[in-house]
PDB file of all heavy atoms in Angstrom:
ATOM      1  N   LEU A   1      -6.262  -8.725  -8.407  1.00  0.00           N
ATOM      2  CA  LEU A   1      -7.095  -8.093  -7.477  1.00  0.00           C
ATOM      3  C   LEU A   1      -6.244  -7.287  -6.483  1.00  0.00           C
ATOM      4  O   LEU A   1      -5.448  -7.870  -5.749  1.00  0.00           O
ATOM      5  CB  LEU A   1      -7.902  -9.081  -6.689  1.00  0.00           C
ATOM      6  CG  LEU A   1      -8.842  -8.555  -5.551  1.00  0.00           C
ATOM      7  CD1 LEU A   1      -9.856  -7.608  -6.058  1.00  0.00           C
ATOM      8  CD2 LEU A   1      -9.466  -9.725  -4.817  1.00  0.00           C
ATOM      9  N   LEU A   2      -6.464  -6.012  -6.362  1.00  0.00           N
ATOM     10  CA  LEU A   2      -5.657  -5.177  -5.533  1.00  0.00           C
ATOM     11  C   LEU A   2      -6.441  -4.885  -4.246  1.00  0.00           C
ATOM     12  O   LEU A   2      -7.601  -4.361  -4.334  1.00  0.00           O
ATOM     13  CB  LEU A   2      -5.286  -3.847  -6.168  1.00  0.00           C
ATOM     14  CG  LEU A   2      -4.501  -2.824  -5.297  1.00  0.00           C
ATOM     15  CD1 LEU A   2      -3.128  -3.409  -4.943  1.00  0.00           C
ATOM     16  CD2 LEU A   2      -4.397  -1.527  -6.128  1.00  0.00           C
ATOM     17  N   MET A   3      -6.002  -5.271  -3.187  1.00  0.00           N
ATOM     18  CA  MET A   3      -6.687  -4.962  -1.823  1.00  0.00           C
ATOM     19  C   MET A   3      -5.854  -4.038  -0.978  1.00  0.00           C
ATOM     20  O   MET A   3      -4.700  -4.286  -0.666  1.00  0.00           O
ATOM     21  CB  MET A   3      -6.901  -6.299  -1.088  1.00  0.00           C
ATOM     22  CG  MET A   3      -7.909  -7.184  -1.783  1.00  0.00           C
ATOM     23  SD  MET A   3      -8.357  -8.644  -0.814  1.00  0.00           S
ATOM     24  CE  MET A   3      -6.884  -9.718  -0.942  1.00  0.00           C
ATOM     25  N   VAL A   4      -6.355  -2.835  -0.700  1.00  0.00           N
ATOM     26  CA  VAL A   4      -5.702  -1.759   0.010  1.00  0.00           C
ATOM     27  C   VAL A   4      -6.183  -1.597   1.444  1.00  0.00           C
ATOM     28  O   VAL A   4      -7.337  -1.341   1.569  1.00  0.00           O
ATOM     29  CB  VAL A   4      -5.799  -0.460  -0.808  1.00  0.00           C
ATOM     30  CG1 VAL A   4      -5.015   0.672  -0.082  1.00  0.00           C
ATOM     31  CG2 VAL A   4      -5.306  -0.682  -2.259  1.00  0.00           C
ATOM     32  N   PRO A   5      -5.311  -1.810   2.368  1.00  0.00           N
ATOM     33  CA  PRO A   5      -5.759  -1.559   3.745  1.00  0.00           C
ATOM     34  C   PRO A   5      -6.036  -0.145   4.121  1.00  0.00           C
ATOM     35  O   PRO A   5      -5.540   0.786   3.392  1.00  0.00           O
ATOM     36  CB  PRO A   5      -4.569  -2.098   4.589  1.00  0.00           C
ATOM     37  CG  PRO A   5      -3.386  -1.973   3.751  1.00  0.00           C
ATOM     38  CD  PRO A   5      -3.907  -2.054   2.345  1.00  0.00           C
ATOM     39  N   GLY A   6      -6.788   0.036   5.073  1.00  0.00           N
ATOM     40  CA  GLY A   6      -7.187   1.384   5.491  1.00  0.00           C
ATOM     41  C   GLY A   6      -6.005   2.084   6.308  1.00  0.00           C
ATOM     42  O   GLY A   6      -4.856   1.838   6.132  1.00  0.00           O
ATOM     43  N   GLY A   7      -6.375   2.859   7.289  1.00  0.00           N
ATOM     44  CA  GLY A   7      -5.528   3.723   8.005  1.00  0.00           C
ATOM     45  C   GLY A   7      -4.408   2.986   8.730  1.00  0.00           C
ATOM     46  O   GLY A   7      -3.317   3.516   8.960  1.00  0.00           O
ATOM     47  N   SER A   8      -4.631   1.696   9.066  1.00  0.00           N
ATOM     48  CA  SER A   8      -3.650   0.984   9.882  1.00  0.00           C
ATOM     49  C   SER A   8      -2.414   0.571   8.997  1.00  0.00           C
ATOM     50  O   SER A   8      -1.297   0.369   9.419  1.00  0.00           O
ATOM     51  CB  SER A   8      -4.249  -0.224  10.488  1.00  0.00           C
ATOM     52  OG  SER A   8      -4.564  -1.249   9.481  1.00  0.00           O
ATOM     53  N   GLY A   9      -2.666   0.370   7.666  1.00  0.00           N
ATOM     54  CA  GLY A   9      -1.622   0.024   6.794  1.00  0.00           C
ATOM     55  C   GLY A   9      -1.199  -1.401   6.979  1.00  0.00           C
ATOM     56  O   GLY A   9      -0.243  -1.898   6.362  1.00  0.00           O
ATOM     57  N   VAL A  10      -1.995  -2.242   7.732  1.00  0.00           N
ATOM     58  CA  VAL A  10      -1.645  -3.668   8.029  1.00  0.00           C
ATOM     59  C   VAL A  10      -2.560  -4.496   7.053  1.00  0.00           C
ATOM     60  O   VAL A  10      -3.780  -4.356   7.042  1.00  0.00           O
ATOM     61  CB  VAL A  10      -1.927  -3.993   9.495  1.00  0.00           C
ATOM     62  CG1 VAL A  10      -1.628  -5.464   9.702  1.00  0.00           C
ATOM     63  CG2 VAL A  10      -1.102  -3.144  10.323  1.00  0.00           C
ATOM     64  N   GLY A  11      -1.971  -5.429   6.378  1.00  0.00           N
ATOM     65  CA  GLY A  11      -2.671  -6.266   5.422  1.00  0.00           C
ATOM     66  C   GLY A  11      -3.252  -7.577   5.964  1.00  0.00           C
ATOM     67  O   GLY A  11      -3.981  -8.264   5.199  1.00  0.00           O
ATOM     68  N   GLU A  12      -2.949  -7.858   7.206  1.00  0.00           N
ATOM     69  CA  GLU A  12      -3.393  -9.220   7.719  1.00  0.00           C
ATOM     70  C   GLU A  12      -4.952  -9.422   7.678  1.00  0.00           C
ATOM     71  O   GLU A  12      -5.318 -10.563   7.502  1.00  0.00           O
ATOM     72  CB  GLU A  12      -2.852  -9.393   9.116  1.00  0.00           C
ATOM     73  CG  GLU A  12      -1.424  -9.817   9.250  1.00  0.00           C
ATOM     74  CD  GLU A  12      -0.445  -8.626   9.200  1.00  0.00           C
ATOM     75  OE1 GLU A  12      -0.951  -7.466   9.335  1.00  0.00           O
ATOM     76  OE2 GLU A  12       0.769  -8.875   8.920  1.00  0.00           O
ATOM     77  N   PRO A  13      -5.759  -8.359   7.847  1.00  0.00           N
ATOM     78  CA  PRO A  13      -7.216  -8.607   7.739  1.00  0.00           C
ATOM     79  C   PRO A  13      -7.588  -9.252   6.366  1.00  0.00           C
ATOM     80  O   PRO A  13      -8.651  -9.833   6.278  1.00  0.00           O
ATOM     81  CB  PRO A  13      -7.823  -7.219   7.933  1.00  0.00           C
ATOM     82  CG  PRO A  13      -6.834  -6.545   8.699  1.00  0.00           C
ATOM     83  CD  PRO A  13      -5.421  -7.006   8.250  1.00  0.00           C
ATOM     84  N   PHE A  14      -6.736  -9.128   5.386  1.00  0.00           N
ATOM     85  CA  PHE A  14      -7.154  -9.693   4.067  1.00  0.00           C
ATOM     86  C   PHE A  14      -6.678 -11.098   3.839  1.00  0.00           C
ATOM     87  O   PHE A  14      -6.946 -11.760   2.896  1.00  0.00           O
ATOM     88  CB  PHE A  14      -6.439  -8.845   2.970  1.00  0.00           C
ATOM     89  CG  PHE A  14      -6.998  -7.422   2.866  1.00  0.00           C
ATOM     90  CD1 PHE A  14      -6.054  -6.354   2.941  1.00  0.00           C
ATOM     91  CD2 PHE A  14      -8.303  -7.190   2.738  1.00  0.00           C
ATOM     92  CE1 PHE A  14      -6.568  -5.047   2.851  1.00  0.00           C
ATOM     93  CE2 PHE A  14      -8.791  -5.837   2.662  1.00  0.00           C
ATOM     94  CZ  PHE A  14      -7.875  -4.808   2.678  1.00  0.00           C
ATOM     95  N   ASP A  15      -5.907 -11.646   4.806  1.00  0.00           N
ATOM     96  CA  ASP A  15      -5.336 -13.022   4.678  1.00  0.00           C
ATOM     97  C   ASP A  15      -6.297 -14.063   4.396  1.00  0.00           C
ATOM     98  O   ASP A  15      -6.297 -14.881   3.459  1.00  0.00           O
ATOM     99  CB  ASP A  15      -4.513 -13.406   5.875  1.00  0.00           C
ATOM    100  CG  ASP A  15      -3.151 -12.744   5.907  1.00  0.00           C
ATOM    101  OD1 ASP A  15      -2.718 -12.158   4.873  1.00  0.00           O
ATOM    102  OD2 ASP A  15      -2.529 -12.790   7.029  1.00  0.00           O
ATOM    103  N   ALA A  16      -7.487 -14.108   5.085  1.00  0.00           N
ATOM    104  CA  ALA A  16      -8.457 -15.218   4.947  1.00  0.00           C
ATOM    105  C   ALA A  16      -9.114 -15.119   3.589  1.00  0.00           C
ATOM    106  O   ALA A  16      -9.267 -16.137   2.890  1.00  0.00           O
ATOM    107  CB  ALA A  16      -9.509 -15.106   6.035  1.00  0.00           C
ATOM    108  N   VAL A  17      -9.547 -13.925   3.189  1.00  0.00           N
ATOM    109  CA  VAL A  17     -10.182 -13.862   1.810  1.00  0.00           C
ATOM    110  C   VAL A  17      -9.232 -14.112   0.770  1.00  0.00           C
ATOM    111  O   VAL A  17      -9.492 -14.716  -0.272  1.00  0.00           O
ATOM    112  CB  VAL A  17     -10.934 -12.434   1.655  1.00  0.00           C
ATOM    113  CG1 VAL A  17      -9.977 -11.306   1.586  1.00  0.00           C
ATOM    114  CG2 VAL A  17     -11.842 -12.545   0.504  1.00  0.00           C
ATOM    115  N   ALA A  18      -7.959 -13.694   0.916  1.00  0.00           N
ATOM    116  CA  ALA A  18      -6.892 -13.860  -0.153  1.00  0.00           C
ATOM    117  C   ALA A  18      -6.658 -15.424  -0.267  1.00  0.00           C
ATOM    118  O   ALA A  18      -6.513 -15.876  -1.393  1.00  0.00           O
ATOM    119  CB  ALA A  18      -5.633 -13.201   0.265  1.00  0.00           C
ATOM    120  N   GLU A  19      -6.578 -16.186   0.827  1.00  0.00           N
ATOM    121  CA  GLU A  19      -6.424 -17.553   0.657  1.00  0.00           C
ATOM    122  C   GLU A  19      -7.603 -18.266   0.001  1.00  0.00           C
ATOM    123  O   GLU A  19      -7.371 -19.184  -0.843  1.00  0.00           O
ATOM    124  CB  GLU A  19      -6.217 -18.217   2.129  1.00  0.00           C
ATOM    125  CG  GLU A  19      -4.827 -18.004   2.696  1.00  0.00           C
ATOM    126  CD  GLU A  19      -3.785 -18.648   1.820  1.00  0.00           C
ATOM    127  OE1 GLU A  19      -4.010 -19.830   1.326  1.00  0.00           O
ATOM    128  OE2 GLU A  19      -2.751 -17.984   1.561  1.00  0.00           O
ATOM    129  N   ARG A  20      -8.802 -17.853   0.363  1.00  0.00           N
ATOM    130  CA  ARG A  20     -10.038 -18.437  -0.325  1.00  0.00           C
ATOM    131  C   ARG A  20      -9.991 -18.134  -1.849  1.00  0.00           C
ATOM    132  O   ARG A  20     -10.275 -19.018  -2.629  1.00  0.00           O
ATOM    133  CB  ARG A  20     -11.303 -17.945   0.331  1.00  0.00           C
ATOM    134  CG  ARG A  20     -11.554 -18.686   1.668  1.00  0.00           C
ATOM    135  CD  ARG A  20     -12.892 -18.437   2.125  1.00  0.00           C
ATOM    136  NE  ARG A  20     -13.840 -19.241   1.324  1.00  0.00           N
ATOM    137  CZ  ARG A  20     -15.122 -19.385   1.703  1.00  0.00           C
ATOM    138  NH1 ARG A  20     -15.548 -18.912   2.777  1.00  0.00           N
ATOM    139  NH2 ARG A  20     -15.931 -20.086   0.930  1.00  0.00           N
ATOM    140  N   LEU A  21      -9.716 -16.949  -2.196  1.00  0.00           N
ATOM    141  CA  LEU A  21      -9.744 -16.570  -3.627  1.00  0.00           C
ATOM    142  C   LEU A  21      -8.577 -17.347  -4.314  1.00  0.00           C
ATOM    143  O   LEU A  21      -8.778 -17.701  -5.502  1.00  0.00           O
ATOM    144  CB  LEU A  21      -9.569 -15.075  -3.792  1.00  0.00           C
ATOM    145  CG  LEU A  21     -10.742 -14.254  -3.353  1.00  0.00           C
ATOM    146  CD1 LEU A  21     -10.385 -12.760  -3.330  1.00  0.00           C
ATOM    147  CD2 LEU A  21     -11.977 -14.496  -4.260  1.00  0.00           C
ATOM    148  N   ALA A  22      -7.398 -17.436  -3.687  1.00  0.00           N
ATOM    149  CA  ALA A  22      -6.266 -18.120  -4.389  1.00  0.00           C
ATOM    150  C   ALA A  22      -6.577 -19.567  -4.589  1.00  0.00           C
ATOM    151  O   ALA A  22      -6.116 -20.177  -5.549  1.00  0.00           O
ATOM    152  CB  ALA A  22      -5.028 -17.969  -3.541  1.00  0.00           C
ATOM    153  N   ALA A  23      -7.446 -20.192  -3.729  1.00  0.00           N
ATOM    154  CA  ALA A  23      -7.767 -21.629  -3.887  1.00  0.00           C
ATOM    155  C   ALA A  23      -8.774 -21.824  -5.042  1.00  0.00           C
ATOM    156  O   ALA A  23      -8.902 -22.940  -5.479  1.00  0.00           O
ATOM    157  CB  ALA A  23      -8.421 -22.097  -2.552  1.00  0.00           C
ATOM    158  N   GLU A  24      -9.464 -20.771  -5.476  1.00  0.00           N
ATOM    159  CA  GLU A  24     -10.454 -20.957  -6.610  1.00  0.00           C
ATOM    160  C   GLU A  24      -9.671 -21.076  -7.840  1.00  0.00           C
ATOM    161  O   GLU A  24      -8.670 -20.499  -8.112  1.00  0.00           O
ATOM    162  CB  GLU A  24     -11.270 -19.719  -6.667  1.00  0.00           C
ATOM    163  CG  GLU A  24     -12.275 -19.600  -5.507  1.00  0.00           C
ATOM    164  CD  GLU A  24     -13.269 -20.729  -5.442  1.00  0.00           C
ATOM    165  OE1 GLU A  24     -13.836 -21.126  -6.473  1.00  0.00           O
ATOM    166  OE2 GLU A  24     -13.533 -21.213  -4.288  1.00  0.00           O
ATOM    167  N   ARG A  25     -10.148 -21.889  -8.764  1.00  0.00           N
ATOM    168  CA  ARG A  25      -9.603 -22.074 -10.068  1.00  0.00           C
ATOM    169  C   ARG A  25     -10.540 -21.681 -11.159  1.00  0.00           C
ATOM    170  O   ARG A  25     -11.630 -22.030 -11.320  1.00  0.00           O
ATOM    171  CB  ARG A  25      -9.158 -23.499 -10.271  1.00  0.00           C
ATOM    172  CG  ARG A  25      -8.160 -23.916  -9.193  1.00  0.00           C
ATOM    173  CD  ARG A  25      -6.818 -24.102  -9.746  1.00  0.00           C
ATOM    174  NE  ARG A  25      -5.861 -24.315  -8.684  1.00  0.00           N
ATOM    175  CZ  ARG A  25      -4.620 -24.114  -8.740  1.00  0.00           C
ATOM    176  NH1 ARG A  25      -4.153 -23.590  -9.853  1.00  0.00           N
ATOM    177  NH2 ARG A  25      -3.890 -24.320  -7.750  1.00  0.00           N
TER     178      ARG A  25
END
């Protein structure tokens, strides 16, 4: 799953969703 940040170029807004998805099996 590729998540691309907008104009800020900062990926931290994706941290919460990335953690939840990584926990799924």
